[in-house]
Amino acid sequence: MSQAIFEKLVALFDAGGARYRVMTHAPVRTSEEAACVRGTALGQGARAMVCRVKRTSTQRLYVLAVLPADQQLDFDKVAAAVDGKKASLATPEEANTLTDCEMGAVPPVSFHSALWLIADPGLASRYDEISFNAGLRERSIIMATEDYLRIVAPRLETIVSKR
């Protein structure tokens, strides 16, 4: 759906001198399918979820919450990270407007000024490489975790549920 987002990612990573590779594969719908076709561990997957956060009765904001694909998002922690009261998944239409991607193809990078980027620290510490959909369900990027952190510079906050 979004070749333009893929091209923005490649330009961003090239400009930053990132170590990464691009994979083209059959379209995937789940994190498990993606890990299988990429040949990576499920926990290497950077799952990006567009959340809507209510701050007041009239103020809402959007957060791109990025977490290891083998973890569950804790919406209360997402809300607390941005001084909000309640967080939920954004609608598919909201997610598309903010990311130019369909849900499931959203990369862990925000190119929209109204979409705050927060990543769980577990994403940064568990593997030397992370993998993610690159704007398209049939295109993935596998890159050095340290390069992702250096170039994208997400705000690190604990946003996963305790198991």
N, C-alpha and C. Protein backbone atom coordinates (compact mmCIF):
# COMPACT_ATOMS: atom_id res chain seq x y z
N MET A 1 0.81 -1.19 0.00
CA MET A 1 0.00 0.00 0.00
C MET A 1 0.86 1.26 0.00
N SER A 2 2.00 1.25 0.69
CA SER A 2 2.73 2.50 0.77
C SER A 2 4.18 2.36 0.34
N GLN A 3 4.37 2.40 -0.95
CA GLN A 3 5.71 2.43 -1.52
C GLN A 3 6.43 3.70 -1.06
N ALA A 4 5.67 4.79 -0.90
CA ALA A 4 6.27 6.06 -0.49
C ALA A 4 6.91 5.94 0.90
N ILE A 5 6.27 5.25 1.82
CA ILE A 5 6.84 5.07 3.16
C ILE A 5 8.10 4.22 3.08
N PHE A 6 8.05 3.16 2.29
CA PHE A 6 9.24 2.34 2.11
C PHE A 6 10.41 3.20 1.61
N GLU A 7 10.16 4.04 0.62
CA GLU A 7 11.21 4.90 0.07
C GLU A 7 11.72 5.90 1.11
N LYS A 8 10.84 6.43 1.96
CA LYS A 8 11.27 7.34 3.03
C LYS A 8 12.16 6.61 4.03
N LEU A 9 11.80 5.37 4.36
CA LEU A 9 12.61 4.58 5.29
C LEU A 9 14.01 4.36 4.73
N VAL A 10 14.08 3.92 3.47
CA VAL A 10 15.38 3.66 2.86
C VAL A 10 16.21 4.93 2.82
N ALA A 11 15.60 6.05 2.46
CA ALA A 11 16.33 7.33 2.42
C ALA A 11 16.84 7.71 3.81
N LEU A 12 16.00 7.56 4.82
CA LEU A 12 16.37 7.88 6.20
C LEU A 12 17.54 7.02 6.66
N PHE A 13 17.44 5.72 6.42
CA PHE A 13 18.48 4.80 6.89
C PHE A 13 19.78 4.96 6.09
N ASP A 14 19.67 5.22 4.80
CA ASP A 14 20.88 5.46 4.00
C ASP A 14 21.58 6.73 4.47
N ALA A 15 20.80 7.79 4.70
CA ALA A 15 21.39 9.07 5.15
C ALA A 15 22.08 8.91 6.50
N GLY A 16 21.54 8.02 7.34
CA GLY A 16 22.12 7.80 8.66
C GLY A 16 23.21 6.75 8.70
N GLY A 17 23.53 6.16 7.55
CA GLY A 17 24.57 5.14 7.51
C GLY A 17 24.19 3.85 8.22
N ALA A 18 22.92 3.51 8.19
CA ALA A 18 22.44 2.31 8.90
C ALA A 18 22.89 1.03 8.20
N ARG A 19 23.06 0.02 9.02
CA ARG A 19 23.32 -1.34 8.51
C ARG A 19 21.97 -2.04 8.49
N TYR A 20 21.47 -2.31 7.28
CA TYR A 20 20.17 -2.94 7.14
C TYR A 20 20.10 -3.70 5.82
N ARG A 21 19.09 -4.55 5.74
CA ARG A 21 18.81 -5.25 4.50
C ARG A 21 17.30 -5.29 4.30
N VAL A 22 16.90 -5.33 3.06
CA VAL A 22 15.50 -5.35 2.68
C VAL A 22 15.15 -6.75 2.20
N MET A 23 13.99 -7.23 2.62
CA MET A 23 13.49 -8.53 2.16
C MET A 23 12.14 -8.33 1.50
N THR A 24 11.94 -9.01 0.38
CA THR A 24 10.63 -9.06 -0.25
C THR A 24 10.15 -10.49 -0.08
N HIS A 25 8.89 -10.64 0.32
CA HIS A 25 8.34 -11.96 0.64
C HIS A 25 6.84 -11.95 0.42
N ALA A 26 6.22 -13.10 0.59
CA ALA A 26 4.77 -13.17 0.49
C ALA A 26 4.17 -12.26 1.56
N PRO A 27 3.03 -11.62 1.29
CA PRO A 27 2.40 -10.75 2.31
C PRO A 27 2.13 -11.53 3.59
N VAL A 28 2.39 -10.87 4.73
CA VAL A 28 2.16 -11.50 6.04
C VAL A 28 1.13 -10.70 6.82
N ARG A 29 0.41 -11.38 7.68
CA ARG A 29 -0.63 -10.73 8.49
C ARG A 29 -0.29 -10.70 9.97
N THR A 30 0.52 -11.64 10.44
CA THR A 30 0.81 -11.70 11.87
C THR A 30 2.32 -11.59 12.12
N SER A 31 2.66 -11.26 13.34
CA SER A 31 4.08 -11.19 13.72
C SER A 31 4.73 -12.56 13.60
N GLU A 32 3.99 -13.61 13.92
CA GLU A 32 4.53 -14.96 13.81
C GLU A 32 4.86 -15.31 12.36
N GLU A 33 3.95 -14.98 11.45
CA GLU A 33 4.20 -15.22 10.02
C GLU A 33 5.42 -14.43 9.56
N ALA A 34 5.51 -13.19 10.00
CA ALA A 34 6.63 -12.33 9.59
C ALA A 34 7.96 -12.92 10.06
N ALA A 35 8.03 -13.35 11.31
CA ALA A 35 9.27 -13.93 11.84
C ALA A 35 9.66 -15.17 11.04
N CYS A 36 8.67 -15.95 10.68
CA CYS A 36 8.92 -17.18 9.92
C CYS A 36 9.51 -16.86 8.55
N VAL A 37 8.91 -15.94 7.80
CA VAL A 37 9.42 -15.64 6.46
C VAL A 37 10.75 -14.88 6.51
N ARG A 38 10.98 -14.15 7.58
CA ARG A 38 12.25 -13.41 7.71
C ARG A 38 13.38 -14.29 8.24
N GLY A 39 13.02 -15.41 8.87
CA GLY A 39 14.04 -16.24 9.50
C GLY A 39 14.61 -15.62 10.76
N THR A 40 13.77 -14.87 11.47
CA THR A 40 14.20 -14.18 12.69
C THR A 40 13.40 -14.70 13.88
N ALA A 41 13.87 -14.38 15.07
CA ALA A 41 13.13 -14.71 16.28
C ALA A 41 11.93 -13.76 16.39
N LEU A 42 10.84 -14.25 16.97
CA LEU A 42 9.64 -13.43 17.14
C LEU A 42 9.97 -12.15 17.91
N GLY A 43 10.80 -12.24 18.94
CA GLY A 43 11.14 -11.09 19.76
C GLY A 43 11.97 -10.02 19.05
N GLN A 44 12.53 -10.36 17.89
CA GLN A 44 13.26 -9.36 17.10
C GLN A 44 12.31 -8.44 16.35
N GLY A 45 11.09 -8.88 16.18
CA GLY A 45 10.12 -8.08 15.45
C GLY A 45 9.76 -6.83 16.23
N ALA A 46 9.78 -5.69 15.55
CA ALA A 46 9.38 -4.43 16.16
C ALA A 46 7.93 -4.17 15.74
N ARG A 47 7.01 -4.53 16.62
CA ARG A 47 5.59 -4.34 16.33
C ARG A 47 5.24 -2.88 16.61
N ALA A 48 4.66 -2.22 15.62
CA ALA A 48 4.30 -0.81 15.74
C ALA A 48 2.79 -0.68 15.76
N MET A 49 2.26 -0.14 16.85
CA MET A 49 0.82 -0.03 17.03
C MET A 49 0.43 1.44 17.22
N VAL A 50 -0.52 1.89 16.41
CA VAL A 50 -0.98 3.27 16.50
C VAL A 50 -2.07 3.32 17.58
N CYS A 51 -1.82 4.14 18.60
CA CYS A 51 -2.75 4.26 19.73
C CYS A 51 -3.31 5.68 19.81
N ARG A 52 -4.54 5.74 20.27
CA ARG A 52 -5.19 7.04 20.54
C ARG A 52 -5.21 7.18 22.05
N VAL A 53 -4.74 8.32 22.55
CA VAL A 53 -4.67 8.55 23.99
C VAL A 53 -5.54 9.74 24.36
N LYS A 54 -6.42 9.53 25.32
CA LYS A 54 -7.27 10.60 25.84
C LYS A 54 -6.52 11.27 26.99
N ARG A 55 -6.33 12.58 26.87
CA ARG A 55 -5.67 13.33 27.95
C ARG A 55 -6.70 14.08 28.79
N THR A 56 -7.64 14.71 28.14
CA THR A 56 -8.73 15.41 28.84
C THR A 56 -10.01 15.08 28.07
N SER A 57 -11.11 15.66 28.51
CA SER A 57 -12.37 15.38 27.82
C SER A 57 -12.36 15.86 26.37
N THR A 58 -11.49 16.80 26.05
CA THR A 58 -11.45 17.32 24.69
C THR A 58 -10.10 17.12 23.99
N GLN A 59 -9.07 16.71 24.71
CA GLN A 59 -7.74 16.59 24.10
C GLN A 59 -7.34 15.13 23.94
N ARG A 60 -6.99 14.78 22.70
CA ARG A 60 -6.49 13.46 22.39
C ARG A 60 -5.18 13.60 21.63
N LEU A 61 -4.34 12.60 21.75
CA LEU A 61 -3.13 12.56 20.94
C LEU A 61 -2.89 11.15 20.47
N TYR A 62 -1.97 11.01 19.55
CA TYR A 62 -1.69 9.70 18.97
C TYR A 62 -0.26 9.31 19.25
N VAL A 63 -0.07 8.03 19.54
CA VAL A 63 1.24 7.48 19.88
C VAL A 63 1.49 6.26 19.01
N LEU A 64 2.67 6.20 18.42
CA LEU A 64 3.12 4.99 17.76
C LEU A 64 3.91 4.22 18.80
N ALA A 65 3.30 3.17 19.33
CA ALA A 65 3.91 2.36 20.38
C ALA A 65 4.64 1.19 19.73
N VAL A 66 5.93 1.08 19.99
CA VAL A 66 6.76 0.05 19.37
C VAL A 66 7.25 -0.90 20.46
N LEU A 67 7.04 -2.19 20.25
CA LEU A 67 7.41 -3.17 21.25
C LEU A 67 7.87 -4.45 20.58
N PRO A 68 8.60 -5.30 21.32
CA PRO A 68 8.97 -6.59 20.76
C PRO A 68 7.71 -7.38 20.43
N ALA A 69 7.72 -8.06 19.29
CA ALA A 69 6.53 -8.75 18.81
C ALA A 69 6.09 -9.92 19.69
N ASP A 70 6.94 -10.37 20.58
CA ASP A 70 6.56 -11.46 21.47
C ASP A 70 6.01 -10.95 22.81
N GLN A 71 5.75 -9.65 22.90
CA GLN A 71 5.22 -9.04 24.12
C GLN A 71 3.83 -8.47 23.85
N GLN A 72 3.11 -8.16 24.93
CA GLN A 72 1.78 -7.56 24.83
C GLN A 72 1.85 -6.09 25.26
N LEU A 73 1.15 -5.25 24.53
CA LEU A 73 1.11 -3.84 24.86
C LEU A 73 0.22 -3.61 26.08
N ASP A 74 0.67 -2.75 26.98
CA ASP A 74 -0.11 -2.35 28.15
C ASP A 74 -0.61 -0.93 27.89
N PHE A 75 -1.89 -0.81 27.56
CA PHE A 75 -2.46 0.49 27.21
C PHE A 75 -2.39 1.49 28.36
N ASP A 76 -2.49 1.01 29.60
CA ASP A 76 -2.37 1.92 30.75
C ASP A 76 -0.98 2.55 30.80
N LYS A 77 0.05 1.77 30.47
CA LYS A 77 1.42 2.30 30.47
C LYS A 77 1.63 3.28 29.33
N VAL A 78 1.01 3.03 28.20
CA VAL A 78 1.10 3.97 27.08
C VAL A 78 0.49 5.30 27.50
N ALA A 79 -0.70 5.25 28.09
CA ALA A 79 -1.37 6.48 28.54
C ALA A 79 -0.50 7.22 29.56
N ALA A 80 0.03 6.49 30.53
CA ALA A 80 0.84 7.12 31.58
C ALA A 80 2.11 7.77 31.00
N ALA A 81 2.68 7.17 29.97
CA ALA A 81 3.91 7.69 29.38
C ALA A 81 3.74 9.08 28.76
N VAL A 82 2.49 9.42 28.40
CA VAL A 82 2.23 10.74 27.79
C VAL A 82 1.25 11.55 28.62
N ASP A 83 1.18 11.25 29.93
CA ASP A 83 0.29 11.95 30.86
C ASP A 83 -1.17 11.90 30.39
N GLY A 84 -1.55 10.74 29.89
CA GLY A 84 -2.93 10.55 29.45
C GLY A 84 -3.73 9.77 30.46
N LYS A 85 -5.04 9.73 30.23
CA LYS A 85 -5.94 9.01 31.12
C LYS A 85 -6.25 7.62 30.62
N LYS A 86 -6.38 7.47 29.28
CA LYS A 86 -6.77 6.19 28.72
C LYS A 86 -6.23 6.08 27.31
N ALA A 87 -5.74 4.88 26.97
CA ALA A 87 -5.24 4.63 25.62
C ALA A 87 -5.99 3.45 25.02
N SER A 88 -6.12 3.48 23.71
CA SER A 88 -6.73 2.39 22.97
C SER A 88 -6.11 2.36 21.58
N LEU A 89 -6.40 1.33 20.83
CA LEU A 89 -5.93 1.29 19.46
C LEU A 89 -6.66 2.35 18.65
N ALA A 90 -5.95 2.99 17.76
CA ALA A 90 -6.58 3.92 16.84
C ALA A 90 -7.40 3.11 15.84
N THR A 91 -8.34 3.75 15.21
CA THR A 91 -9.11 3.07 14.18
C THR A 91 -8.20 2.83 12.97
N PRO A 92 -8.56 1.88 12.11
CA PRO A 92 -7.76 1.69 10.90
C PRO A 92 -7.65 2.96 10.05
N GLU A 93 -8.72 3.74 10.03
CA GLU A 93 -8.69 4.99 9.26
C GLU A 93 -7.72 6.00 9.87
N GLU A 94 -7.74 6.13 11.21
CA GLU A 94 -6.80 7.04 11.88
C GLU A 94 -5.36 6.59 11.65
N ALA A 95 -5.13 5.28 11.79
CA ALA A 95 -3.78 4.75 11.59
C ALA A 95 -3.30 5.02 10.17
N ASN A 96 -4.17 4.83 9.20
CA ASN A 96 -3.79 5.07 7.81
C ASN A 96 -3.48 6.54 7.57
N THR A 97 -4.28 7.43 8.13
CA THR A 97 -4.05 8.87 7.97
C THR A 97 -2.70 9.28 8.56
N LEU A 98 -2.34 8.71 9.71
CA LEU A 98 -1.11 9.10 10.41
C LEU A 98 0.14 8.42 9.88
N THR A 99 -0.01 7.26 9.24
CA THR A 99 1.16 6.49 8.81
C THR A 99 1.24 6.25 7.32
N ASP A 100 0.17 6.49 6.60
CA ASP A 100 0.08 6.17 5.18
C ASP A 100 0.30 4.68 4.94
N CYS A 101 -0.06 3.86 5.93
CA CYS A 101 0.09 2.41 5.83
C CYS A 101 -1.16 1.75 6.37
N GLU A 102 -1.44 0.55 5.87
CA GLU A 102 -2.51 -0.21 6.47
C GLU A 102 -1.98 -0.85 7.76
N MET A 103 -2.89 -1.12 8.69
CA MET A 103 -2.47 -1.76 9.94
C MET A 103 -1.78 -3.08 9.59
N GLY A 104 -0.71 -3.37 10.31
CA GLY A 104 0.06 -4.56 10.04
C GLY A 104 1.27 -4.30 9.15
N ALA A 105 1.30 -3.14 8.49
CA ALA A 105 2.43 -2.79 7.64
C ALA A 105 3.17 -1.58 8.18
N VAL A 106 2.74 -1.07 9.32
CA VAL A 106 3.30 0.17 9.88
C VAL A 106 4.72 -0.09 10.40
N PRO A 107 5.69 0.69 9.94
CA PRO A 107 7.05 0.55 10.47
C PRO A 107 7.20 1.28 11.80
N PRO A 108 8.26 1.01 12.55
CA PRO A 108 8.46 1.64 13.86
C PRO A 108 9.10 3.03 13.76
N VAL A 109 8.63 3.80 12.81
CA VAL A 109 9.15 5.14 12.54
C VAL A 109 7.96 6.05 12.29
N SER A 110 7.95 7.23 12.88
CA SER A 110 6.88 8.19 12.62
C SER A 110 7.38 9.29 11.70
N PHE A 111 6.64 9.48 10.61
CA PHE A 111 6.92 10.58 9.69
C PHE A 111 5.86 11.67 9.81
N HIS A 112 4.98 11.57 10.80
CA HIS A 112 3.88 12.52 10.98
C HIS A 112 4.08 13.26 12.30
N SER A 113 4.01 14.57 12.27
CA SER A 113 4.27 15.38 13.47
C SER A 113 3.25 15.14 14.59
N ALA A 114 2.06 14.65 14.26
CA ALA A 114 1.04 14.40 15.28
C ALA A 114 1.11 12.99 15.85
N LEU A 115 2.10 12.20 15.44
CA LEU A 115 2.23 10.82 15.91
C LEU A 115 3.50 10.69 16.73
N TRP A 116 3.33 10.67 18.06
CA TRP A 116 4.46 10.54 18.98
C TRP A 116 5.02 9.13 18.90
N LEU A 117 6.32 8.98 19.03
CA LEU A 117 6.98 7.68 18.93
C LEU A 117 7.55 7.27 20.28
N ILE A 118 7.09 6.12 20.75
CA ILE A 118 7.58 5.56 22.02
C ILE A 118 7.92 4.09 21.77
N ALA A 119 9.08 3.67 22.22
CA ALA A 119 9.48 2.27 22.09
C ALA A 119 9.79 1.69 23.46
N ASP A 120 9.46 0.43 23.62
CA ASP A 120 9.78 -0.25 24.87
C ASP A 120 11.28 -0.55 24.92
N PRO A 121 11.93 -0.35 26.08
CA PRO A 121 13.37 -0.61 26.20
C PRO A 121 13.76 -2.05 25.85
N GLY A 122 12.84 -2.99 26.00
CA GLY A 122 13.13 -4.39 25.66
C GLY A 122 13.50 -4.56 24.20
N LEU A 123 12.97 -3.71 23.37
CA LEU A 123 13.30 -3.76 21.95
C LEU A 123 14.78 -3.43 21.74
N ALA A 124 15.30 -2.56 22.57
CA ALA A 124 16.67 -2.08 22.42
C ALA A 124 17.71 -3.02 23.01
N SER A 125 17.32 -3.89 23.91
CA SER A 125 18.31 -4.62 24.69
C SER A 125 18.40 -6.12 24.41
N ARG A 126 17.45 -6.67 23.68
CA ARG A 126 17.41 -8.13 23.58
C ARG A 126 18.16 -8.72 22.39
N TYR A 127 18.17 -8.02 21.26
CA TYR A 127 18.78 -8.57 20.04
C TYR A 127 19.64 -7.50 19.37
N ASP A 128 20.67 -7.96 18.65
CA ASP A 128 21.53 -7.03 17.90
C ASP A 128 20.83 -6.46 16.68
N GLU A 129 19.81 -7.18 16.17
CA GLU A 129 19.06 -6.72 15.02
C GLU A 129 17.57 -6.76 15.33
N ILE A 130 16.84 -5.81 14.75
CA ILE A 130 15.38 -5.84 14.81
C ILE A 130 14.86 -5.97 13.38
N SER A 131 13.61 -6.40 13.27
CA SER A 131 12.99 -6.55 11.96
C SER A 131 11.59 -5.95 12.02
N PHE A 132 11.13 -5.48 10.86
CA PHE A 132 9.81 -4.86 10.84
C PHE A 132 9.29 -4.72 9.41
N ASN A 133 7.98 -4.60 9.31
CA ASN A 133 7.36 -4.32 8.02
C ASN A 133 7.74 -2.91 7.61
N ALA A 134 7.98 -2.74 6.33
CA ALA A 134 8.50 -1.48 5.82
C ALA A 134 7.46 -0.74 4.98
N GLY A 135 6.27 -0.57 5.56
CA GLY A 135 5.20 0.15 4.87
C GLY A 135 4.35 -0.73 3.99
N LEU A 136 4.80 -1.93 3.76
CA LEU A 136 4.10 -2.90 2.91
C LEU A 136 4.12 -4.25 3.60
N ARG A 137 3.06 -5.02 3.47
CA ARG A 137 3.00 -6.34 4.11
C ARG A 137 3.96 -7.34 3.48
N GLU A 138 4.45 -7.03 2.30
CA GLU A 138 5.35 -7.96 1.62
C GLU A 138 6.80 -7.47 1.57
N ARG A 139 7.11 -6.44 2.36
CA ARG A 139 8.46 -5.92 2.39
C ARG A 139 8.87 -5.73 3.84
N SER A 140 10.04 -6.23 4.19
CA SER A 140 10.57 -6.10 5.55
C SER A 140 11.96 -5.50 5.52
N ILE A 141 12.31 -4.90 6.63
CA ILE A 141 13.67 -4.42 6.85
C ILE A 141 14.19 -5.11 8.11
N ILE A 142 15.42 -5.59 8.01
CA ILE A 142 16.14 -6.13 9.17
C ILE A 142 17.35 -5.21 9.34
N MET A 143 17.47 -4.63 10.53
CA MET A 143 18.55 -3.67 10.71
C MET A 143 19.19 -3.78 12.08
N ALA A 144 20.38 -3.22 12.19
CA ALA A 144 21.10 -3.20 13.46
C ALA A 144 20.29 -2.38 14.46
N THR A 145 20.03 -2.95 15.62
CA THR A 145 19.24 -2.28 16.64
C THR A 145 19.86 -0.95 17.02
N GLU A 146 21.18 -0.91 17.18
CA GLU A 146 21.82 0.34 17.58
C GLU A 146 21.65 1.42 16.52
N ASP A 147 21.59 1.04 15.26
CA ASP A 147 21.37 2.03 14.21
C ASP A 147 19.93 2.56 14.25
N TYR A 148 18.98 1.68 14.51
CA TYR A 148 17.58 2.12 14.65
C TYR A 148 17.49 3.14 15.79
N LEU A 149 18.08 2.82 16.93
CA LEU A 149 18.01 3.72 18.08
C LEU A 149 18.69 5.06 17.80
N ARG A 150 19.82 5.02 17.13
CA ARG A 150 20.59 6.23 16.83
C ARG A 150 19.86 7.12 15.81
N ILE A 151 19.32 6.53 14.77
CA ILE A 151 18.72 7.30 13.68
C ILE A 151 17.29 7.73 14.00
N VAL A 152 16.50 6.82 14.52
CA VAL A 152 15.08 7.10 14.77
C VAL A 152 14.89 7.79 16.11
N ALA A 153 15.73 7.48 17.08
CA ALA A 153 15.72 8.08 18.42
C ALA A 153 14.34 8.06 19.07
N PRO A 154 13.75 6.87 19.22
CA PRO A 154 12.45 6.82 19.90
C PRO A 154 12.60 7.13 21.38
N ARG A 155 11.55 7.65 21.96
CA ARG A 155 11.52 7.83 23.42
C ARG A 155 11.33 6.45 24.03
N LEU A 156 12.20 6.04 24.94
CA LEU A 156 12.12 4.72 25.54
C LEU A 156 11.29 4.78 26.82
N GLU A 157 10.23 4.01 26.84
CA GLU A 157 9.33 3.90 28.00
C GLU A 157 8.85 2.46 28.09
N THR A 158 8.71 1.95 29.29
CA THR A 158 8.18 0.60 29.46
C THR A 158 6.69 0.62 29.15
N ILE A 159 6.30 -0.09 28.10
CA ILE A 159 4.91 -0.09 27.65
C ILE A 159 4.37 -1.50 27.45
N VAL A 160 5.10 -2.51 27.93
CA VAL A 160 4.62 -3.88 27.80
C VAL A 160 4.05 -4.39 29.12
N SER A 161 3.16 -5.36 28.99
CA SER A 161 2.56 -5.99 30.17
C SER A 161 3.57 -6.90 30.83
N LYS A 162 3.50 -6.99 32.13
CA LYS A 162 4.30 -7.97 32.86
C LYS A 162 3.68 -9.33 32.62
N ARG A 163 4.51 -10.34 32.47
CA ARG A 163 3.98 -11.68 32.20
C ARG A 163 3.94 -12.49 33.46
